[in-house]
């Protein structure tokens, strides 16, 4: 059995994610076959005291032989149910809900004519994965991100 087919339940997603994570991501264009890679870190910190976490990702993204610095910021706020999160873009727009109480969750995010479908799985206290499948008139992508807790 693939290690990612076994799920580790998380009682409180915000408490679980807090801290620093090593990030490795592959980006596959399913139409062209092109593959890119991101390598970096994600820090989940609580700077505002609003009960949420600021997700700050930074590293290097390589696509078609060119490597560039890349960053991303998200907000993880307390969700509607205990232990869940309401994930938002840095500007406050809604992204998706997140409930890892079973160790696995699927979220959808419509973006213009495209649909982003993310599967979140937790392997253990120090490892989790997201797989986003992006489909639409001009996109056919799969983004797989592995997180490993640092320190």
N, C-alpha and C. Protein backbone atom coordinates (compact mmCIF):
# COMPACT_ATOMS: atom_id res chain seq x y z
N UNK A 1 0.84 -1.19 0.00
CA UNK A 1 0.00 0.00 0.00
C UNK A 1 0.89 1.25 0.00
N UNK A 2 0.58 2.20 -0.86
CA UNK A 2 1.28 3.48 -0.93
C UNK A 2 1.12 4.20 0.42
N UNK A 3 2.22 4.78 0.91
CA UNK A 3 2.19 5.45 2.21
C UNK A 3 1.15 6.58 2.24
N UNK A 4 0.84 7.17 1.09
CA UNK A 4 -0.14 8.27 1.05
C UNK A 4 -1.57 7.76 0.99
N UNK A 5 -1.78 6.46 0.99
CA UNK A 5 -3.13 5.91 1.04
C UNK A 5 -3.57 5.66 2.49
N UNK A 6 -2.65 5.87 3.45
CA UNK A 6 -2.99 5.77 4.86
C UNK A 6 -3.05 7.19 5.41
N UNK A 7 -4.12 7.52 6.09
CA UNK A 7 -4.32 8.90 6.54
C UNK A 7 -4.19 9.00 8.05
N UNK A 8 -3.68 10.14 8.50
CA UNK A 8 -3.47 10.41 9.92
C UNK A 8 -4.42 11.54 10.31
N UNK A 9 -5.44 11.25 11.12
CA UNK A 9 -6.42 12.28 11.49
C UNK A 9 -5.78 13.43 12.27
N UNK A 10 -6.26 14.64 12.00
CA UNK A 10 -5.77 15.86 12.65
C UNK A 10 -6.96 16.52 13.37
N UNK A 11 -6.88 16.61 14.68
CA UNK A 11 -7.99 17.17 15.46
C UNK A 11 -8.14 18.67 15.26
N UNK A 12 -7.02 19.38 15.09
CA UNK A 12 -7.03 20.84 14.94
C UNK A 12 -6.02 21.22 13.87
N UNK A 13 -6.52 21.56 12.67
CA UNK A 13 -5.64 21.82 11.53
C UNK A 13 -4.70 23.00 11.79
N UNK A 14 -5.15 24.05 12.44
CA UNK A 14 -4.29 25.22 12.68
C UNK A 14 -3.15 24.87 13.63
N UNK A 15 -3.45 24.15 14.70
CA UNK A 15 -2.40 23.75 15.64
C UNK A 15 -1.41 22.82 14.95
N UNK A 16 -1.91 21.94 14.11
CA UNK A 16 -1.05 20.98 13.41
C UNK A 16 -0.10 21.68 12.43
N UNK A 17 -0.59 22.66 11.69
CA UNK A 17 0.22 23.30 10.65
C UNK A 17 1.23 24.31 11.18
N UNK A 18 1.01 24.86 12.36
CA UNK A 18 1.91 25.89 12.90
C UNK A 18 3.36 25.42 12.88
N UNK A 19 4.24 26.30 12.39
CA UNK A 19 5.66 25.98 12.34
C UNK A 19 6.23 26.12 10.95
N UNK A 20 7.38 25.48 10.76
CA UNK A 20 8.15 25.59 9.52
C UNK A 20 8.18 24.24 8.82
N UNK A 21 7.91 24.25 7.49
CA UNK A 21 7.83 23.03 6.69
C UNK A 21 8.73 23.14 5.47
N UNK A 22 9.44 22.08 5.16
CA UNK A 22 10.20 21.96 3.91
C UNK A 22 9.20 21.60 2.82
N UNK A 23 9.29 22.23 1.65
CA UNK A 23 8.31 22.05 0.58
C UNK A 23 9.01 21.60 -0.70
N UNK A 24 8.48 20.55 -1.31
CA UNK A 24 8.93 20.08 -2.62
C UNK A 24 7.67 19.92 -3.48
N UNK A 25 7.63 20.59 -4.63
CA UNK A 25 6.44 20.56 -5.49
C UNK A 25 6.84 20.24 -6.93
N UNK A 26 6.05 19.36 -7.55
CA UNK A 26 6.20 19.15 -8.99
C UNK A 26 4.96 19.74 -9.66
N UNK A 27 5.17 20.34 -10.82
CA UNK A 27 4.09 20.92 -11.61
C UNK A 27 4.17 20.26 -12.98
N UNK A 28 3.10 19.52 -13.32
CA UNK A 28 3.08 18.83 -14.61
C UNK A 28 1.99 19.42 -15.48
N UNK A 29 2.38 19.82 -16.68
CA UNK A 29 1.41 20.23 -17.70
C UNK A 29 1.01 18.95 -18.42
N UNK A 30 -0.22 18.49 -18.20
CA UNK A 30 -0.65 17.20 -18.73
C UNK A 30 -0.87 17.23 -20.24
N UNK A 31 -0.98 18.41 -20.82
CA UNK A 31 -1.14 18.53 -22.28
C UNK A 31 0.21 18.44 -22.98
N UNK A 32 1.17 19.25 -22.53
CA UNK A 32 2.47 19.30 -23.21
C UNK A 32 3.47 18.29 -22.66
N UNK A 33 3.26 17.83 -21.42
CA UNK A 33 4.23 16.93 -20.79
C UNK A 33 5.33 17.67 -20.05
N UNK A 34 5.33 19.00 -20.11
CA UNK A 34 6.36 19.78 -19.41
C UNK A 34 6.23 19.59 -17.90
N UNK A 35 7.38 19.58 -17.22
CA UNK A 35 7.40 19.41 -15.78
C UNK A 35 8.27 20.50 -15.16
N UNK A 36 7.77 21.11 -14.10
CA UNK A 36 8.53 22.10 -13.35
C UNK A 36 8.62 21.68 -11.89
N UNK A 37 9.52 22.35 -11.15
CA UNK A 37 9.75 21.99 -9.76
C UNK A 37 9.89 23.24 -8.90
N UNK A 38 9.31 23.18 -7.72
CA UNK A 38 9.50 24.21 -6.70
C UNK A 38 10.14 23.55 -5.50
N UNK A 39 11.11 24.23 -4.90
CA UNK A 39 11.75 23.76 -3.68
C UNK A 39 11.91 24.95 -2.75
N UNK A 40 11.44 24.81 -1.50
CA UNK A 40 11.54 25.93 -0.58
C UNK A 40 11.00 25.58 0.79
N UNK A 41 10.49 26.60 1.47
CA UNK A 41 9.93 26.43 2.81
C UNK A 41 8.60 27.16 2.91
N UNK A 42 7.75 26.66 3.80
CA UNK A 42 6.51 27.33 4.15
C UNK A 42 6.53 27.50 5.66
N UNK A 43 6.26 28.73 6.10
CA UNK A 43 6.16 29.02 7.53
C UNK A 43 4.72 29.40 7.82
N UNK A 44 4.12 28.69 8.79
CA UNK A 44 2.80 29.02 9.30
C UNK A 44 3.00 29.71 10.64
N UNK A 45 2.70 31.01 10.70
CA UNK A 45 2.89 31.77 11.94
C UNK A 45 1.61 32.50 12.30
N UNK A 46 1.52 32.93 13.55
CA UNK A 46 0.32 33.61 14.05
C UNK A 46 0.66 35.05 14.41
N UNK A 47 0.82 35.92 13.40
CA UNK A 47 1.27 37.29 13.68
C UNK A 47 0.20 38.24 14.19
N UNK A 48 -1.09 37.96 13.91
CA UNK A 48 -2.12 38.95 14.19
C UNK A 48 -2.93 38.69 15.45
N UNK A 49 -2.81 37.53 16.04
CA UNK A 49 -3.60 37.20 17.21
C UNK A 49 -5.07 37.00 16.92
N UNK A 50 -5.43 36.74 15.63
CA UNK A 50 -6.83 36.54 15.26
C UNK A 50 -7.22 35.06 15.32
N UNK A 51 -6.33 34.23 15.85
CA UNK A 51 -6.59 32.80 15.92
C UNK A 51 -6.22 32.07 14.66
N UNK A 52 -5.79 32.80 13.64
CA UNK A 52 -5.42 32.19 12.37
C UNK A 52 -3.92 32.11 12.19
N UNK A 53 -3.53 31.62 11.03
CA UNK A 53 -2.12 31.49 10.68
C UNK A 53 -1.85 32.18 9.35
N UNK A 54 -0.70 32.81 9.26
CA UNK A 54 -0.21 33.36 8.00
C UNK A 54 0.69 32.29 7.38
N UNK A 55 0.39 31.91 6.14
CA UNK A 55 1.15 30.90 5.39
C UNK A 55 2.05 31.66 4.43
N UNK A 56 3.35 31.60 4.65
CA UNK A 56 4.32 32.30 3.79
C UNK A 56 5.26 31.27 3.19
N UNK A 57 5.18 31.15 1.86
CA UNK A 57 5.98 30.17 1.13
C UNK A 57 7.03 30.92 0.31
N UNK A 58 8.26 30.41 0.33
CA UNK A 58 9.32 31.02 -0.50
C UNK A 58 10.30 29.94 -0.92
N UNK A 59 10.84 30.12 -2.12
CA UNK A 59 11.81 29.17 -2.64
C UNK A 59 12.13 29.47 -4.08
N UNK A 60 12.52 28.43 -4.80
CA UNK A 60 12.89 28.58 -6.21
C UNK A 60 12.01 27.67 -7.06
N UNK A 61 11.52 28.23 -8.19
CA UNK A 61 10.70 27.48 -9.12
C UNK A 61 11.45 27.37 -10.44
N UNK A 62 11.59 26.13 -10.92
CA UNK A 62 12.26 25.87 -12.20
C UNK A 62 11.24 25.40 -13.21
N UNK A 63 11.17 26.13 -14.34
CA UNK A 63 10.25 25.78 -15.42
C UNK A 63 10.97 25.98 -16.74
N UNK A 64 10.97 24.95 -17.56
CA UNK A 64 11.60 24.98 -18.87
C UNK A 64 13.05 25.48 -18.80
N UNK A 65 13.79 24.97 -17.82
CA UNK A 65 15.20 25.26 -17.69
C UNK A 65 15.55 26.57 -17.01
N UNK A 66 14.56 27.35 -16.63
CA UNK A 66 14.82 28.65 -15.98
C UNK A 66 14.34 28.58 -14.53
N UNK A 67 15.24 28.96 -13.62
CA UNK A 67 14.92 28.98 -12.19
C UNK A 67 14.77 30.41 -11.72
N UNK A 68 13.66 30.65 -11.01
CA UNK A 68 13.37 31.99 -10.49
C UNK A 68 12.89 31.89 -9.06
N UNK A 69 13.09 32.95 -8.27
CA UNK A 69 12.52 32.96 -6.91
C UNK A 69 10.99 33.00 -7.01
N UNK A 70 10.33 32.34 -6.06
CA UNK A 70 8.87 32.31 -6.05
C UNK A 70 8.38 32.42 -4.61
N UNK A 71 7.28 33.17 -4.42
CA UNK A 71 6.68 33.31 -3.10
C UNK A 71 5.17 33.21 -3.22
N UNK A 72 4.54 32.89 -2.10
CA UNK A 72 3.08 32.84 -2.03
C UNK A 72 2.68 33.07 -0.58
N UNK A 73 1.61 33.82 -0.38
CA UNK A 73 1.09 34.08 0.95
C UNK A 73 -0.40 33.76 0.98
N UNK A 74 -0.81 33.00 1.99
CA UNK A 74 -2.21 32.67 2.22
C UNK A 74 -2.53 32.94 3.69
N UNK A 75 -3.83 33.02 4.00
CA UNK A 75 -4.28 33.14 5.38
C UNK A 75 -5.11 31.93 5.72
N UNK A 76 -4.83 31.29 6.82
CA UNK A 76 -5.60 30.16 7.32
C UNK A 76 -6.31 30.64 8.57
N UNK A 77 -7.62 30.84 8.47
CA UNK A 77 -8.42 31.35 9.58
C UNK A 77 -9.23 30.22 10.20
N UNK A 78 -9.66 30.37 11.46
CA UNK A 78 -10.49 29.33 12.06
C UNK A 78 -11.73 29.08 11.19
N UNK A 79 -12.04 27.80 10.97
CA UNK A 79 -13.17 27.44 10.12
C UNK A 79 -14.49 27.41 10.86
N UNK A 80 -15.53 27.03 10.14
CA UNK A 80 -16.88 27.00 10.70
C UNK A 80 -17.04 25.92 11.77
N UNK A 81 -16.34 24.81 11.63
CA UNK A 81 -16.40 23.72 12.62
C UNK A 81 -15.09 23.70 13.41
N UNK A 82 -15.13 23.26 14.66
CA UNK A 82 -13.90 23.19 15.47
C UNK A 82 -12.81 22.38 14.77
N UNK A 83 -11.59 22.89 14.79
CA UNK A 83 -10.45 22.19 14.23
C UNK A 83 -10.27 22.33 12.73
N UNK A 84 -11.15 23.09 12.06
CA UNK A 84 -11.05 23.27 10.61
C UNK A 84 -10.49 24.66 10.29
N UNK A 85 -10.24 24.92 9.01
CA UNK A 85 -9.71 26.21 8.60
C UNK A 85 -10.46 26.73 7.38
N UNK A 86 -10.51 28.05 7.29
CA UNK A 86 -11.03 28.79 6.15
C UNK A 86 -9.80 29.41 5.48
N UNK A 87 -9.41 28.87 4.32
CA UNK A 87 -8.19 29.33 3.65
C UNK A 87 -8.54 30.46 2.70
N UNK A 88 -7.76 31.53 2.80
CA UNK A 88 -8.00 32.72 1.98
C UNK A 88 -6.70 33.17 1.32
N UNK A 89 -6.87 33.86 0.19
CA UNK A 89 -5.72 34.47 -0.46
C UNK A 89 -5.22 35.63 0.41
N UNK A 90 -4.04 36.12 0.14
CA UNK A 90 -3.45 37.20 0.94
C UNK A 90 -4.34 38.44 0.99
N UNK A 91 -5.11 38.70 -0.08
CA UNK A 91 -5.97 39.88 -0.12
C UNK A 91 -7.33 39.65 0.53
N UNK A 92 -7.55 38.46 1.11
CA UNK A 92 -8.78 38.17 1.82
C UNK A 92 -9.83 37.42 1.03
N UNK A 93 -9.65 37.27 -0.29
CA UNK A 93 -10.62 36.52 -1.09
C UNK A 93 -10.65 35.05 -0.65
N UNK A 94 -11.83 34.42 -0.65
CA UNK A 94 -11.92 33.00 -0.26
C UNK A 94 -11.18 32.10 -1.24
N UNK A 95 -10.52 31.08 -0.71
CA UNK A 95 -9.85 30.07 -1.53
C UNK A 95 -10.58 28.73 -1.35
N UNK A 96 -10.52 28.15 -0.15
CA UNK A 96 -11.20 26.88 0.10
C UNK A 96 -11.28 26.62 1.60
N UNK A 97 -12.13 25.67 1.98
CA UNK A 97 -12.19 25.19 3.35
C UNK A 97 -11.16 24.09 3.51
N UNK A 98 -10.80 23.77 4.76
CA UNK A 98 -9.87 22.67 5.02
C UNK A 98 -10.26 21.97 6.31
N UNK A 99 -10.56 20.68 6.19
CA UNK A 99 -10.95 19.86 7.33
C UNK A 99 -10.14 18.57 7.26
N UNK A 100 -9.17 18.42 8.14
CA UNK A 100 -8.30 17.24 8.12
C UNK A 100 -8.61 16.28 9.26
N UNK A 101 -9.81 16.35 9.82
CA UNK A 101 -10.15 15.49 10.95
C UNK A 101 -10.11 14.00 10.61
N UNK A 102 -10.25 13.65 9.33
CA UNK A 102 -10.10 12.25 8.91
C UNK A 102 -8.71 11.99 8.32
N UNK A 103 -7.91 13.04 8.18
CA UNK A 103 -6.59 12.90 7.56
C UNK A 103 -6.61 13.11 6.06
N UNK A 104 -7.81 13.32 5.50
CA UNK A 104 -7.94 13.53 4.05
C UNK A 104 -9.10 14.49 3.80
N UNK A 105 -8.90 15.39 2.81
CA UNK A 105 -9.96 16.35 2.47
C UNK A 105 -9.82 16.73 1.00
N UNK A 106 -10.96 16.92 0.34
CA UNK A 106 -10.97 17.37 -1.05
C UNK A 106 -11.68 18.72 -1.10
N UNK A 107 -11.03 19.70 -1.75
CA UNK A 107 -11.58 21.05 -1.86
C UNK A 107 -11.63 21.45 -3.32
N UNK A 108 -12.65 22.23 -3.67
CA UNK A 108 -12.76 22.78 -5.02
C UNK A 108 -12.65 24.29 -4.95
N UNK A 109 -12.02 24.87 -5.98
CA UNK A 109 -11.93 26.33 -6.10
C UNK A 109 -12.14 26.69 -7.57
N UNK A 110 -13.31 27.25 -7.91
CA UNK A 110 -13.51 27.72 -9.27
C UNK A 110 -12.75 29.04 -9.48
N UNK A 111 -12.05 29.14 -10.58
CA UNK A 111 -11.27 30.34 -10.88
C UNK A 111 -11.50 30.67 -12.35
N UNK A 112 -12.33 31.68 -12.61
CA UNK A 112 -12.74 32.03 -13.97
C UNK A 112 -13.30 30.76 -14.63
N UNK A 113 -12.77 30.35 -15.76
CA UNK A 113 -13.28 29.17 -16.46
C UNK A 113 -12.61 27.88 -16.00
N UNK A 114 -11.66 27.98 -15.05
CA UNK A 114 -10.91 26.82 -14.60
C UNK A 114 -11.46 26.30 -13.27
N UNK A 115 -11.24 25.01 -13.01
CA UNK A 115 -11.59 24.43 -11.72
C UNK A 115 -10.33 23.83 -11.11
N UNK A 116 -10.04 24.26 -9.89
CA UNK A 116 -8.94 23.71 -9.11
C UNK A 116 -9.55 22.74 -8.11
N UNK A 117 -9.12 21.48 -8.14
CA UNK A 117 -9.58 20.49 -7.17
C UNK A 117 -8.36 20.00 -6.40
N UNK A 118 -8.36 20.24 -5.09
CA UNK A 118 -7.22 19.87 -4.26
C UNK A 118 -7.54 18.72 -3.33
N UNK A 119 -6.63 17.75 -3.26
CA UNK A 119 -6.75 16.67 -2.29
C UNK A 119 -5.62 16.84 -1.27
N UNK A 120 -6.00 16.91 -0.01
CA UNK A 120 -5.07 17.09 1.09
C UNK A 120 -5.02 15.79 1.87
N UNK A 121 -3.82 15.25 2.10
CA UNK A 121 -3.67 14.03 2.88
C UNK A 121 -2.55 14.21 3.90
N UNK A 122 -2.79 13.67 5.08
CA UNK A 122 -1.80 13.74 6.16
C UNK A 122 -1.29 12.33 6.41
N UNK A 123 0.03 12.14 6.36
CA UNK A 123 0.63 10.82 6.57
C UNK A 123 0.93 10.58 8.04
N UNK A 124 1.46 11.61 8.71
CA UNK A 124 1.79 11.50 10.13
C UNK A 124 1.99 12.92 10.66
N UNK A 125 2.47 13.06 11.87
CA UNK A 125 2.59 14.38 12.50
C UNK A 125 3.53 15.31 11.74
N UNK A 126 4.41 14.76 10.92
CA UNK A 126 5.44 15.58 10.27
C UNK A 126 5.40 15.57 8.76
N UNK A 127 4.39 14.97 8.13
CA UNK A 127 4.34 14.88 6.67
C UNK A 127 2.90 15.00 6.18
N UNK A 128 2.70 15.86 5.17
CA UNK A 128 1.40 15.97 4.52
C UNK A 128 1.61 16.33 3.07
N UNK A 129 0.55 16.17 2.28
CA UNK A 129 0.66 16.36 0.84
C UNK A 129 -0.61 17.03 0.31
N UNK A 130 -0.40 17.85 -0.73
CA UNK A 130 -1.54 18.36 -1.49
C UNK A 130 -1.32 17.97 -2.95
N UNK A 131 -2.42 17.60 -3.60
CA UNK A 131 -2.39 17.36 -5.04
C UNK A 131 -3.53 18.19 -5.63
N UNK A 132 -3.15 19.21 -6.40
CA UNK A 132 -4.14 20.06 -7.07
C UNK A 132 -4.20 19.65 -8.53
N UNK A 133 -5.41 19.42 -9.00
CA UNK A 133 -5.66 19.14 -10.42
C UNK A 133 -6.38 20.36 -10.96
N UNK A 134 -5.82 20.97 -11.99
CA UNK A 134 -6.38 22.19 -12.56
C UNK A 134 -6.84 21.89 -13.98
N UNK A 135 -8.12 22.11 -14.22
CA UNK A 135 -8.65 21.86 -15.55
C UNK A 135 -9.48 23.03 -16.03
N UNK A 136 -9.42 23.28 -17.30
CA UNK A 136 -10.20 24.35 -17.90
C UNK A 136 -9.89 24.45 -19.37
N UNK A 137 -10.39 25.50 -20.00
CA UNK A 137 -10.19 25.64 -21.45
C UNK A 137 -8.73 25.76 -21.86
N UNK A 138 -7.89 26.32 -20.99
CA UNK A 138 -6.48 26.51 -21.37
C UNK A 138 -5.51 25.86 -20.40
N UNK A 139 -6.03 25.18 -19.35
CA UNK A 139 -5.13 24.57 -18.36
C UNK A 139 -5.47 23.10 -18.17
N UNK A 140 -4.42 22.30 -18.04
CA UNK A 140 -4.54 20.89 -17.70
C UNK A 140 -3.29 20.55 -16.91
N UNK A 141 -3.33 20.86 -15.62
CA UNK A 141 -2.15 20.76 -14.77
C UNK A 141 -2.37 19.86 -13.57
N UNK A 142 -1.28 19.32 -13.05
CA UNK A 142 -1.30 18.62 -11.77
C UNK A 142 -0.12 19.11 -10.95
N UNK A 143 -0.41 19.61 -9.75
CA UNK A 143 0.60 20.13 -8.84
C UNK A 143 0.62 19.25 -7.60
N UNK A 144 1.73 18.60 -7.34
CA UNK A 144 1.86 17.72 -6.17
C UNK A 144 2.90 18.34 -5.24
N UNK A 145 2.48 18.61 -4.00
CA UNK A 145 3.36 19.26 -3.02
C UNK A 145 3.48 18.39 -1.80
N UNK A 146 4.74 18.08 -1.43
CA UNK A 146 5.02 17.34 -0.21
C UNK A 146 5.61 18.29 0.82
N UNK A 147 5.08 18.20 2.04
CA UNK A 147 5.52 19.02 3.17
C UNK A 147 6.14 18.12 4.23
N UNK A 148 7.29 18.51 4.74
CA UNK A 148 7.96 17.79 5.84
C UNK A 148 8.33 18.83 6.90
N UNK A 149 7.88 18.57 8.13
CA UNK A 149 8.13 19.52 9.22
C UNK A 149 9.63 19.67 9.47
N UNK A 150 10.07 20.90 9.66
CA UNK A 150 11.47 21.17 10.02
C UNK A 150 11.55 21.44 11.52
N UNK A 151 12.70 21.10 12.09
CA UNK A 151 12.99 21.42 13.49
C UNK A 151 12.09 20.74 14.42
